[in-house]
Protein backbone atom coordinates (compact mmCIF):
# COMPACT_ATOMS: atom_id res chain seq x y z
CA MET A 1 127.43 23.92 3.74
CA LYS A 2 129.65 23.38 6.63
CA ALA A 3 128.20 23.21 10.14
CA VAL A 4 129.78 25.74 12.46
CA THR A 5 129.93 24.84 16.09
CA ALA A 6 130.69 27.70 18.39
CA MET A 7 132.54 27.03 21.61
CA LYS A 8 130.78 28.49 24.55
CA SER A 9 133.27 30.32 26.73
CA SER A 10 132.69 29.97 30.41
CA THR A 11 132.48 33.10 32.48
CA GLY A 12 132.30 33.55 36.21
CA PHE A 13 133.86 31.64 39.06
CA SER A 14 133.74 27.99 39.84
CA LEU A 15 132.51 26.82 43.22
CA ILE A 16 136.04 25.80 44.23
CA GLU A 17 137.44 29.25 43.45
CA LEU A 18 134.66 30.88 45.44
CA MET A 19 135.25 28.60 48.44
CA ILE A 20 139.00 29.34 48.40
CA VAL A 21 138.36 33.09 48.38
CA LEU A 22 135.87 32.77 51.26
CA ALA A 23 138.34 30.71 53.27
CA ILE A 24 141.08 33.31 52.77
CA ILE A 25 138.72 36.13 53.78
CA GLY A 26 137.71 34.17 56.89
CA ILE A 27 141.31 33.61 57.96
CA LEU A 28 142.27 37.25 57.40
CA SER A 29 139.23 38.57 59.25
CA THR A 30 139.93 36.32 62.25
CA ILE A 31 143.49 37.63 62.47
CA ALA A 32 142.38 41.24 62.01
CA PHE A 33 139.66 40.96 64.66
CA GLY A 34 142.22 39.71 67.21
CA PHE A 35 144.55 42.62 66.53
CA TYR A 36 141.66 45.10 66.63
CA GLY A 37 140.57 43.89 70.07
CA ASP A 38 144.10 44.30 71.40
CA TYR A 39 144.30 47.76 69.84
CA VAL A 40 141.05 48.87 71.52
CA ILE A 41 142.20 47.66 74.93
CA ALA A 42 145.57 49.37 74.54
CA SER A 43 143.96 52.62 73.41
CA ASN A 44 141.56 52.58 76.38
CA ARG A 45 144.58 52.65 78.71
CA THR A 46 144.85 56.30 77.75
CA GLU A 47 141.75 56.93 79.84
CA GLY A 48 143.37 55.37 82.90
CA ARG A 49 146.58 57.35 82.42
CA ALA A 50 144.63 60.59 81.93
CA ALA A 51 142.56 59.98 85.06
CA LEU A 52 145.72 59.38 87.09
CA GLN A 53 147.33 62.55 85.80
CA THR A 54 144.17 64.54 86.56
CA ALA A 55 144.13 63.12 90.09
CA ALA A 56 147.81 63.99 90.54
CA GLY A 57 147.15 67.53 89.32
CA THR A 58 144.29 67.91 91.79
CA LEU A 59 146.48 66.65 94.62
CA GLU A 60 149.32 69.00 93.65
CA LYS A 61 146.88 71.92 93.63
CA CYS A 62 145.70 70.91 97.10
CA ARG A 63 149.26 70.82 98.39
CA SER A 64 150.08 74.21 96.90
CA LEU A 65 146.96 75.77 98.44
CA TYR A 66 146.93 74.07 101.84
CA GLY A 67 150.44 72.62 102.32
CA SER A 68 149.21 69.02 102.43
CA TYR A 69 147.96 66.45 99.95
CA ASN A 70 145.29 65.18 102.34
CA HIS A 71 143.88 68.48 103.60
CA ALA A 72 140.20 68.46 104.60
CA ASN A 73 139.31 71.22 102.11
CA CYS A 74 140.43 69.14 99.12
CA ASN A 75 137.82 67.41 96.98
CA TYR A 76 138.82 63.88 96.01
CA ALA A 77 135.46 62.98 94.45
CA ASP A 78 136.72 64.00 91.01
CA PHE A 79 138.95 60.96 90.79
CA ALA A 80 137.18 59.01 88.06
CA SER A 81 137.80 57.89 84.52
CA GLU A 82 135.67 59.44 81.81
CA SER A 83 134.02 56.29 80.41
CA ASN A 84 134.14 54.39 83.69
CA TYR A 85 136.72 51.90 82.44
CA TYR A 86 138.84 52.43 85.56
CA ASN A 87 138.31 52.89 89.28
CA ILE A 88 140.71 55.51 90.63
CA SER A 89 141.84 55.16 94.23
CA GLY A 90 144.72 56.50 96.21
CA ALA A 91 146.91 56.28 99.25
CA ILE A 92 147.07 59.96 100.15
CA LEU A 93 149.28 61.14 103.00
CA ALA A 94 150.23 64.66 104.04
CA THR A 95 153.53 64.65 102.12
CA SER A 96 153.07 61.94 99.49
CA PHE A 97 150.52 60.06 97.46
CA MET A 98 150.11 57.09 95.13
CA VAL A 99 147.02 56.95 92.92
CA THR A 100 146.01 53.70 91.25
CA ALA A 101 143.79 52.96 88.25
CA THR A 102 142.17 49.53 88.36
CA PRO A 103 139.95 48.24 85.52
CA VAL A 104 136.23 48.04 86.31
CA ALA A 105 134.83 44.51 86.22
CA GLY A 106 132.52 43.96 83.27
CA GLN A 107 134.18 46.68 81.18
CA PRO A 108 136.51 45.94 78.23
CA GLN A 109 139.57 46.89 80.27
CA ALA A 110 138.94 44.01 82.65
CA ASN A 111 140.40 41.80 79.87
CA ASP A 112 143.68 43.75 79.81
CA ALA A 113 146.16 41.16 81.05
CA ASP A 114 149.18 43.21 79.98
CA CYS A 115 148.44 46.18 82.26
CA THR A 116 146.12 45.18 85.10
CA THR A 117 146.75 48.33 87.17
CA LEU A 118 148.42 51.69 86.58
CA THR A 119 149.97 53.81 89.33
CA LEU A 120 151.36 57.32 89.68
CA THR A 121 153.13 58.86 92.67
CA ASN A 122 153.75 62.43 93.84
CA THR A 123 157.32 62.21 92.53
CA GLY A 124 156.07 61.32 89.05
CA VAL A 125 157.02 57.66 89.21
CA ARG A 126 154.78 55.68 86.89
CA GLY A 127 154.14 52.04 87.60
CA ALA A 128 152.03 49.16 86.42
CA THR A 129 151.27 45.52 87.08
CA GLY A 130 150.48 42.85 84.53
CA ALA A 131 152.02 40.40 82.08
CA ASP A 132 153.75 42.99 79.85
CA ILE A 133 154.17 46.36 81.58
CA THR A 134 156.60 47.80 79.02
CA ASP A 135 153.84 49.56 77.04
CA CYS A 136 151.50 50.54 79.87
CA TRP A 137 152.67 54.15 80.05
């Protein structure tokens, strides 16, 4: 009788294959995490823009009611961003204003080098400071 030797087929992954897959996953996750952080910062700018537009609307209402942006009966305490990512301040005169959104220190927006401040005037002029102001508004 003839002896039959069966070849054992190997199944599974070798250690080298596993290490290569883990390295690829690590590289991709590092790249994705960087883009995600930038995306979050850019999306939080919406809060600063919304707060500026709310402030401008309040100031326009004040002018329509009292004839002046800086009338004593106007309430400027509502100038705030919803999640406290931005401090809202303004240079408010009788016939003009410029409101500014500045990131709060210690909040994620403090790391926004592209758009460090956002501004809005009574004439609707939108401005910004930073390294890349093309996408701030």
